[in-house]
Each structure stands twice: as C-alpha cells, then as structure tokens.
N, C-alpha and C. Protein backbone atom coordinates (compact mmCIF):
# COMPACT_ATOMS: atom_id res chain seq x y z
N UNK A 1 0.80 -1.49 -0.11
CA UNK A 1 0.08 -0.09 -0.34
C UNK A 1 0.74 1.14 0.25
N UNK A 2 0.41 2.17 -1.06
CA UNK A 2 1.46 3.59 -0.77
C UNK A 2 0.99 4.13 0.40
N UNK A 3 2.12 5.04 0.94
CA UNK A 3 1.72 5.45 2.31
C UNK A 3 3.21 7.25 2.27
N UNK A 4 1.83 8.27 2.63
CA UNK A 4 2.85 9.13 2.36
C UNK A 4 3.15 9.26 3.98
N UNK A 5 3.94 10.36 3.96
CA UNK A 5 4.08 10.21 5.75
C UNK A 5 4.52 12.32 5.61
N UNK A 6 4.15 12.40 6.54
CA UNK A 6 3.53 13.89 7.68
C UNK A 6 5.19 13.72 7.61
N UNK A 7 4.84 15.71 8.51
CA UNK A 7 6.79 16.70 9.50
C UNK A 7 6.34 15.01 10.53
N UNK A 8 5.22 14.53 10.97
CA UNK A 8 5.58 13.87 12.52
C UNK A 8 5.93 12.07 12.07
N UNK A 9 6.08 11.74 11.25
CA UNK A 9 6.05 10.51 10.73
C UNK A 9 5.39 9.33 10.71
N UNK A 10 4.00 9.85 10.26
CA UNK A 10 2.76 8.89 11.03
C UNK A 10 2.50 9.01 9.77
N UNK A 11 2.22 7.83 8.44
CA UNK A 11 2.05 7.47 7.51
C UNK A 11 -0.13 7.75 7.34
N UNK A 12 0.34 8.65 5.71
CA UNK A 12 -0.92 8.75 6.14
C UNK A 12 -2.14 7.01 5.23
N UNK A 13 -2.81 7.91 5.27
CA UNK A 13 -3.53 6.42 4.83
C UNK A 13 -3.81 5.95 3.38
N UNK A 14 -4.51 5.31 2.06
CA UNK A 14 -4.56 5.56 0.82
C UNK A 14 -6.02 6.36 0.91
N UNK A 15 -6.32 5.16 2.09
CA UNK A 15 -7.83 6.05 1.80
C UNK A 15 -7.88 7.19 3.01
N UNK A 16 -8.45 8.35 1.77
CA UNK A 16 -8.09 10.03 3.52
C UNK A 16 -9.20 8.77 4.26
N UNK A 17 -10.12 9.19 3.91
CA UNK A 17 -11.64 8.72 5.12
C UNK A 17 -11.14 8.34 6.24
N UNK A 18 -9.76 7.11 6.67
CA UNK A 18 -9.15 6.68 7.44
C UNK A 18 -8.22 7.74 7.89
N UNK A 19 -8.42 9.24 7.24
CA UNK A 19 -8.12 10.30 8.49
C UNK A 19 -8.48 10.73 9.02
N UNK A 20 -9.58 10.53 8.89
CA UNK A 20 -11.04 11.41 9.59
C UNK A 20 -10.97 11.21 10.91
N UNK A 21 -10.96 11.91 11.61
CA UNK A 21 -12.33 11.27 13.00
C UNK A 21 -14.17 11.07 12.89
N UNK A 22 -14.48 11.87 11.91
CA UNK A 22 -15.99 11.72 12.51
C UNK A 22 -15.85 9.78 11.63
N UNK A 23 -15.50 9.18 11.13
CA UNK A 23 -15.09 7.96 10.15
C UNK A 23 -14.72 7.36 11.99
N UNK A 24 -13.61 7.31 12.05
CA UNK A 24 -13.03 6.83 13.79
C UNK A 24 -14.30 6.91 15.07
N UNK A 25 -15.30 7.67 15.03
CA UNK A 25 -16.12 8.12 16.02
C UNK A 25 -17.50 7.07 15.69
N UNK A 26 -17.07 7.13 14.38
CA UNK A 26 -18.63 6.46 13.21
C UNK A 26 -18.24 4.62 14.25
N UNK A 27 -16.97 4.07 14.38
CA UNK A 27 -17.22 3.09 14.00
C UNK A 27 -16.88 2.56 15.19
N UNK A 28 -15.94 3.64 15.97
CA UNK A 28 -16.73 3.11 17.77
C UNK A 28 -18.12 2.46 18.14
N UNK A 29 -18.90 3.98 17.35
CA UNK A 29 -19.80 2.94 17.96
C UNK A 29 -21.15 2.34 17.27
N UNK A 30 -20.33 2.06 15.51
CA UNK A 30 -20.72 0.92 14.96
C UNK A 30 -20.49 -0.01 16.61
N UNK A 31 -19.70 -0.08 16.78
CA UNK A 31 -18.91 -1.20 17.80
C UNK A 31 -19.70 -1.23 19.16
N UNK A 32 -20.09 0.00 19.67
CA UNK A 32 -20.97 -0.09 20.45
C UNK A 32 -22.55 -0.74 20.28
N UNK A 33 -22.53 0.27 19.53
CA UNK A 33 -24.44 -0.79 19.14
C UNK A 33 -24.27 -1.67 19.37
N UNK A 34 -23.68 -2.94 18.57
CA UNK A 34 -23.32 -4.11 18.64
C UNK A 34 -22.93 -4.80 19.42
N UNK A 35 -21.92 -3.77 21.11
CA UNK A 35 -22.46 -4.36 21.67
C UNK A 35 -23.17 -4.55 22.70
N UNK A 36 -24.32 -2.91 22.19
CA UNK A 36 -25.99 -3.57 22.94
C UNK A 36 -26.95 -4.36 22.53
N UNK A 37 -26.88 -4.24 20.84
CA UNK A 37 -27.67 -4.91 20.88
C UNK A 37 -26.79 -6.79 21.14
N UNK A 38 -26.19 -7.16 21.59
CA UNK A 38 -25.67 -8.16 21.56
C UNK A 38 -26.34 -9.20 23.00
N UNK A 39 -26.94 -7.71 23.67
CA UNK A 39 -27.35 -7.46 26.09
C UNK A 39 -28.68 -7.44 25.21
N UNK A 40 -29.59 -7.00 24.53
CA UNK A 40 -30.73 -7.54 24.00
C UNK A 40 -31.78 -8.73 24.48
N UNK A 41 -33.04 -8.40 25.09
CA UNK A 41 -33.68 -9.74 25.18
C UNK A 41 -34.13 -10.64 24.10
N UNK A 42 -34.00 -12.04 23.75
CA UNK A 42 -34.57 -13.13 23.21
C UNK A 42 -36.39 -12.01 21.69
N UNK A 43 -36.65 -11.54 23.45
CA UNK A 43 -37.97 -11.00 23.06
C UNK A 43 -38.49 -9.66 21.85
N UNK A 44 -36.95 -9.53 21.85
CA UNK A 44 -36.55 -8.01 21.07
C UNK A 44 -36.73 -8.92 19.32
N UNK A 45 -38.11 -7.51 18.75
CA UNK A 45 -38.08 -7.74 17.79
C UNK A 45 -36.06 -7.98 16.91
N UNK A 46 -36.42 -9.14 15.96
CA UNK A 46 -35.27 -8.93 14.90
C UNK A 46 -34.90 -7.65 14.09
N UNK A 47 -35.99 -7.33 13.96
CA UNK A 47 -36.03 -5.50 13.04
C UNK A 47 -35.55 -4.76 13.90
N UNK A 48 -35.46 -4.32 15.47
CA UNK A 48 -34.77 -3.53 15.78
C UNK A 48 -33.22 -3.64 15.50
N UNK A 49 -33.27 -4.55 16.36
CA UNK A 49 -32.00 -4.84 16.23
C UNK A 49 -30.59 -5.41 14.31
N UNK A 50 -31.52 -5.47 13.67
CA UNK A 50 -30.78 -5.20 12.57
C UNK A 50 -30.90 -3.24 12.25
N UNK A 51 -32.68 -2.49 12.61
CA UNK A 51 -32.36 -1.76 11.48
C UNK A 51 -31.50 -0.88 12.95
N UNK A 52 -30.72 -0.71 13.92
CA UNK A 52 -30.05 0.09 14.68
C UNK A 52 -28.03 -0.61 14.02
N UNK A 53 -28.46 -1.71 14.36
CA UNK A 53 -27.25 -2.21 13.71
C UNK A 53 -26.92 -1.59 11.59
N UNK A 54 -27.73 -1.58 10.94
CA UNK A 54 -27.61 -0.92 9.71
C UNK A 54 -27.42 0.22 9.67
N UNK A 55 -28.20 1.14 10.42
CA UNK A 55 -27.98 2.80 10.67
C UNK A 55 -27.12 3.30 10.88
N UNK A 56 -26.45 2.57 12.43
CA UNK A 56 -24.93 2.52 12.61
C UNK A 56 -24.20 2.90 11.84
N UNK A 57 -24.28 1.53 10.81
CA UNK A 57 -22.84 1.24 10.01
C UNK A 57 -23.38 2.26 8.87
N UNK A 58 -24.17 3.25 8.79
CA UNK A 58 -24.90 3.91 7.65
C UNK A 58 -23.58 4.92 7.96
N UNK A 59 -24.01 5.50 8.57
CA UNK A 59 -23.00 6.51 9.29
C UNK A 59 -21.30 6.42 8.90
N UNK A 60 -20.84 5.65 8.81
CA UNK A 60 -19.27 4.86 8.46
C UNK A 60 -19.41 4.89 7.33
N UNK A 61 -20.27 4.10 6.36
CA UNK A 61 -20.23 3.74 5.70
C UNK A 61 -20.90 5.02 4.42
N UNK A 62 -21.36 5.89 4.79
CA UNK A 62 -22.29 7.18 3.92
C UNK A 62 -20.13 8.44 3.53
N UNK A 63 -19.68 7.47 5.43
CA UNK A 63 -18.17 9.04 4.86
C UNK A 63 -17.42 8.84 3.99
N UNK A 64 -17.53 6.44 3.97
CA UNK A 64 -15.70 6.23 3.12
C UNK A 64 -16.70 6.82 1.47
N UNK A 65 -17.78 6.13 1.81
CA UNK A 65 -18.14 6.63 -0.47
C UNK A 65 -18.08 7.63 -0.58
N UNK A 66 -18.85 8.90 -0.42
CA UNK A 66 -17.92 10.02 -0.05
C UNK A 66 -17.40 10.82 0.01
N UNK A 67 -16.08 10.42 0.57
CA UNK A 67 -15.69 10.44 0.18
C UNK A 67 -14.32 10.41 -0.76
N UNK A 68 -14.66 9.30 -1.96
CA UNK A 68 -14.93 9.34 -3.68
C UNK A 68 -14.62 9.84 -4.10
N UNK A 69 -15.94 10.85 -3.83
CA UNK A 69 -16.98 11.74 -4.65
C UNK A 69 -16.36 13.27 -5.49
N UNK A 70 -17.41 14.24 -5.81
CA UNK A 70 -16.71 15.22 -5.32
C UNK A 70 -17.18 15.55 -4.25
N UNK A 71 -16.57 17.29 -4.49
CA UNK A 71 -16.44 18.28 -2.95
C UNK A 71 -18.02 17.97 -2.80
N UNK A 72 -18.52 18.43 -3.92
CA UNK A 72 -20.20 18.02 -3.86
C UNK A 72 -20.76 17.20 -3.40
N UNK A 73 -20.78 16.09 -3.65
CA UNK A 73 -21.24 14.95 -3.82
C UNK A 73 -21.08 14.30 -2.71
N UNK A 74 -19.48 15.04 -1.95
CA UNK A 74 -19.27 14.55 -0.89
C UNK A 74 -19.90 15.13 0.27
N UNK A 75 -20.84 16.31 -0.46
CA UNK A 75 -21.33 16.84 0.98
C UNK A 75 -22.85 15.78 0.63
N UNK A 76 -22.93 16.01 0.64
CA UNK A 76 -24.10 15.16 0.46
C UNK A 76 -24.50 13.64 0.92
N UNK A 77 -22.96 12.99 0.86
CA UNK A 77 -23.34 11.68 1.16
C UNK A 77 -22.86 12.73 2.88
N UNK A 78 -21.83 13.49 3.61
CA UNK A 78 -22.22 13.73 4.66
C UNK A 78 -23.54 14.53 5.31
N UNK A 79 -24.17 14.50 4.39
CA UNK A 79 -25.39 15.30 5.35
C UNK A 79 -26.45 13.84 5.17
N UNK A 80 -26.18 12.78 4.60
CA UNK A 80 -27.50 11.22 4.96
C UNK A 80 -26.06 10.93 5.80
N UNK A 81 -25.45 11.12 5.99
CA UNK A 81 -24.44 10.25 7.32
C UNK A 81 -25.45 11.01 8.40
N UNK A 82 -26.06 12.21 9.06
CA UNK A 82 -26.56 13.34 9.49
C UNK A 82 -27.63 12.45 9.85
N UNK A 83 -28.23 12.36 8.49
CA UNK A 83 -29.73 11.28 8.48
C UNK A 83 -29.74 9.86 9.40
N UNK A 84 -28.08 9.41 8.53
CA UNK A 84 -28.48 7.38 10.05
C UNK A 84 -28.39 8.20 11.35
N UNK A 85 -28.09 9.05 11.98
CA UNK A 85 -27.32 9.41 12.75
C UNK A 85 -28.30 9.88 13.27
N UNK A 86 -29.96 11.39 12.62
CA UNK A 86 -31.24 10.62 13.60
C UNK A 86 -31.83 9.48 13.28
N UNK A 87 -31.13 8.54 12.22
CA UNK A 87 -31.92 7.69 12.68
C UNK A 87 -31.47 6.61 14.04
N UNK A 88 -30.19 6.39 13.96
CA UNK A 88 -29.80 5.60 14.99
C UNK A 88 -30.75 6.53 16.46
N UNK A 89 -30.72 7.82 16.24
CA UNK A 89 -31.06 7.93 17.54
C UNK A 89 -32.79 7.90 17.58
N UNK A 90 -33.40 7.22 16.28
CA UNK A 90 -34.72 6.18 17.13
C UNK A 90 -34.72 5.19 18.21
N UNK A 91 -33.90 4.59 17.03
CA UNK A 91 -33.26 2.75 17.28
C UNK A 91 -32.95 3.05 18.51
N UNK A 92 -32.44 3.72 18.00
CA UNK A 92 -31.77 3.99 21.12
C UNK A 92 -33.49 4.21 21.73
N UNK A 93 -33.91 5.20 21.62
CA UNK A 93 -34.83 5.73 22.20
C UNK A 93 -35.58 4.34 22.41
N UNK A 94 -36.71 3.77 20.50
CA UNK A 94 -37.41 2.72 20.76
C UNK A 94 -36.95 1.89 21.11
N UNK A 95 -35.70 1.68 21.65
CA UNK A 95 -34.77 0.19 22.41
C UNK A 95 -35.00 0.46 24.12
N UNK A 96 -35.01 1.87 24.03
CA UNK A 96 -34.69 2.59 26.06
C UNK A 96 -36.55 2.65 26.35
N UNK A 97 -37.15 2.62 25.54
CA UNK A 97 -38.50 2.58 25.77
C UNK A 97 -39.08 1.00 25.67
N UNK A 98 -38.62 0.03 25.03
CA UNK A 98 -39.16 -0.97 24.94
C UNK A 98 -38.22 -1.39 26.37
N UNK A 99 -37.36 -1.06 27.57
CA UNK A 99 -36.36 -1.40 28.41
C UNK A 99 -35.45 -2.21 28.22
N UNK A 100 -34.97 -1.89 27.01
CA UNK A 100 -33.95 -2.79 26.39
C UNK A 100 -32.27 -2.23 26.66
N UNK A 101 -32.47 -1.54 27.31
CA UNK A 101 -31.46 -0.50 27.43
C UNK A 101 -31.51 0.62 28.18
N UNK A 102 -30.20 1.23 29.33
CA UNK A 102 -30.94 1.68 30.51
C UNK A 102 -31.08 2.81 29.69
N UNK A 103 -31.44 3.84 30.63
CA UNK A 103 -31.21 5.37 31.03
C UNK A 103 -30.34 6.16 30.21
N UNK A 104 -29.06 4.84 31.44
CA UNK A 104 -27.93 5.69 31.16
C UNK A 104 -27.02 5.50 30.10
N UNK A 105 -27.06 4.15 28.79
CA UNK A 105 -26.98 3.71 27.80
C UNK A 105 -27.74 5.22 26.47
N UNK A 106 -28.97 4.69 26.94
CA UNK A 106 -29.67 5.66 25.98
C UNK A 106 -28.87 7.02 26.43
N UNK A 107 -27.94 7.81 27.20
CA UNK A 107 -27.76 9.35 27.26
C UNK A 107 -26.23 9.20 26.43
N UNK A 108 -25.76 7.76 26.55
CA UNK A 108 -24.43 7.57 25.80
C UNK A 108 -24.55 7.41 24.71
N UNK A 109 -25.58 6.48 23.77
CA UNK A 109 -25.65 7.13 22.43
C UNK A 109 -25.81 8.68 22.16
N UNK A 110 -27.49 8.65 23.15
CA UNK A 110 -26.89 10.37 22.33
C UNK A 110 -25.86 11.67 22.29
N UNK A 111 -25.49 10.75 23.35
CA UNK A 111 -23.48 11.60 23.11
C UNK A 111 -23.04 11.66 22.32
N UNK A 112 -22.66 10.28 21.79
CA UNK A 112 -22.05 10.49 20.98
C UNK A 112 -22.29 10.63 20.31
N UNK A 113 -24.39 10.06 19.15
CA UNK A 113 -24.95 11.08 18.31
C UNK A 113 -24.54 12.06 17.64
N UNK A 114 -24.51 12.44 18.93
CA UNK A 114 -24.25 14.59 18.99
C UNK A 114 -23.39 14.94 19.25
N UNK A 115 -22.32 14.23 18.99
CA UNK A 115 -21.02 14.59 18.96
C UNK A 115 -20.01 14.27 17.77
N UNK A 116 -21.32 13.55 16.59
CA UNK A 116 -20.50 12.38 15.96
C UNK A 116 -21.93 13.89 14.73
N UNK A 117 -22.61 14.65 15.94
CA UNK A 117 -23.13 15.51 13.67
C UNK A 117 -22.30 16.96 14.58
N UNK A 118 -22.13 17.70 15.63
CA UNK A 118 -21.38 18.21 15.60
C UNK A 118 -20.27 18.10 14.89
N UNK A 119 -19.72 16.90 15.13
CA UNK A 119 -18.21 16.72 14.31
C UNK A 119 -18.78 16.58 12.20
N UNK A 120 -19.46 16.24 12.01
CA UNK A 120 -20.08 16.18 10.33
C UNK A 120 -20.52 17.45 9.61
N UNK A 121 -21.10 18.01 11.09
CA UNK A 121 -21.30 19.65 10.70
C UNK A 121 -20.13 20.33 10.45
N UNK A 122 -19.51 20.23 11.21
CA UNK A 122 -17.82 21.20 10.69
C UNK A 122 -17.22 20.37 9.66
N UNK A 123 -17.26 19.30 9.22
CA UNK A 123 -16.15 19.15 7.42
C UNK A 123 -17.84 19.59 6.72
N UNK A 124 -18.45 20.12 6.54
CA UNK A 124 -19.26 20.67 5.78
C UNK A 124 -19.09 21.33 5.68
N UNK A 125 -19.06 22.53 7.03
CA UNK A 125 -19.06 23.65 6.61
C UNK A 125 -17.43 24.05 6.30
N UNK A 126 -17.25 22.71 6.55
CA UNK A 126 -14.89 23.79 6.24
C UNK A 126 -15.55 22.44 4.45
N UNK A 127 -16.00 22.34 4.20
CA UNK A 127 -15.38 21.58 2.89
C UNK A 127 -16.71 22.62 1.99
N UNK A 128 -17.89 23.84 2.29
CA UNK A 128 -18.03 25.14 1.98
C UNK A 128 -17.10 25.98 1.48
N UNK A 129 -16.78 26.37 2.76
CA UNK A 129 -16.02 27.05 3.24
C UNK A 129 -14.17 27.59 2.16
N UNK A 130 -14.69 25.91 1.50
CA UNK A 130 -12.73 25.60 1.28
C UNK A 130 -12.76 26.77 -0.65
N UNK A 131 -11.66 26.40 -1.11
CA UNK A 131 -11.66 26.80 -2.31
C UNK A 131 -12.23 26.08 -3.51
N UNK A 132 -12.87 26.87 -4.47
CA UNK A 132 -14.34 26.07 -5.45
C UNK A 132 -13.23 24.71 -5.77
N UNK A 133 -11.94 24.73 -6.17
CA UNK A 133 -11.50 23.45 -7.00
C UNK A 133 -12.45 22.39 -5.62
N UNK A 134 -11.48 21.30 -5.75
CA UNK A 134 -12.28 19.39 -4.99
C UNK A 134 -10.74 19.31 -3.70
N UNK A 135 -10.34 20.05 -4.09
CA UNK A 135 -9.61 20.25 -2.38
C UNK A 135 -9.79 20.29 -0.90
N UNK A 136 -8.97 19.10 -0.71
CA UNK A 136 -10.47 18.74 0.74
C UNK A 136 -9.06 19.42 1.93
N UNK A 137 -10.22 20.13 2.98
CA UNK A 137 -9.07 20.72 4.29
C UNK A 137 -8.13 19.36 4.66
N UNK A 138 -7.43 21.02 5.40
CA UNK A 138 -6.22 20.19 6.16
C UNK A 138 -6.51 20.64 7.66
N UNK A 139 -7.27 20.88 8.58
CA UNK A 139 -8.03 21.24 9.56
C UNK A 139 -7.13 20.04 10.52
N UNK A 140 -6.83 20.60 11.27
CA UNK A 140 -5.88 18.77 12.06
C UNK A 140 -7.26 18.89 13.53
N UNK A 141 -8.45 19.22 13.45
CA UNK A 141 -9.15 18.67 13.68
C UNK A 141 -10.52 17.72 13.65
N UNK A 142 -10.13 18.07 11.74
CA UNK A 142 -9.96 16.94 11.23
C UNK A 142 -10.33 16.11 10.87
N UNK A 143 -8.06 16.18 10.31
CA UNK A 143 -7.71 14.97 10.43
C UNK A 143 -6.63 15.19 10.60
N UNK A 144 -6.72 14.60 11.65
CA UNK A 144 -5.68 14.19 12.83
C UNK A 144 -4.13 14.26 13.08
N UNK A 145 -3.84 12.98 11.95
CA UNK A 145 -3.16 13.01 11.18
C UNK A 145 -2.18 13.60 9.76
N UNK A 146 -1.81 15.26 10.04
CA UNK A 146 -0.79 15.82 9.42
C UNK A 146 -0.88 17.35 10.20
N UNK A 147 -0.39 17.79 9.90
CA UNK A 147 0.52 19.17 10.43
C UNK A 147 0.15 20.58 9.49
C-alpha cells in the first residue's frame, strides 16, 4: 500500500476517509451498538436490532463512500450520514422505551450521536468554505494525522 508520511512521521492512509476523526467515531459507535444489541433479550424484535445496526453502519459507510466523490457530492453523503445519525437516535429511543437499554446507555448513545453530528457539521462547513477546487481541508481537528 502506498503511504505518504507527514512531518510527524505518521503514515497517511491511501483511503483518505481513514484520516477523518469522524470516521473513527462512527466505527466506535458501530462497535458500541453491536455490544448493546448483543444484550437485547430474546423477545426483542429482530427488525429493531437489524435496523439499529444498519443505521449505525450507514454513518461510517456514507462518509467512506462520499470521500471518493467530488466535493459537492461528498457534502451530500455527509448530510446523508447525519440522517443515519438521526435514525440511530430513533432506534436507541425505541430500545430504551422497550426497556432493552438503560437510561445511561440511551444517554451514552445520544452523546455519541450529538458529537458526531457536530463533527459532520464542522466538516461540511469546512468543505463549503474551501476553495472552489475539490481540494479537501487540512484542518487538524478533522485530519488528526496531518500537520
């Protein structure tokens, strides 16, 4: 795999979305959802588990897929990732109302989703403010491995 190295000698990945903090937060959320779903009782509807899991995965998948597109398309995919965040919030609320997750777990889900929403908003704003060319931003809050 072809890696570039920045001044800190940290490799840059071939797939640029892997350098995005929001992508890694989305992966963390997928893992969190998988652990929560594994604790659902047998009486839980399979559709609830499947929908919750899929909405969480779609956050990361839309970020990854959009990153390979032109800037305006990437922004649209990021907005779709925000829609997946809202879907995940609904699934967490349903799971909580059924008693499948605790108050603390619902709060943890909500906090993770709010953080990702803010990060996506910042990335969208950064992309919209950028030059007309398709160059991506090098904001250290967005791309932590660049200097």
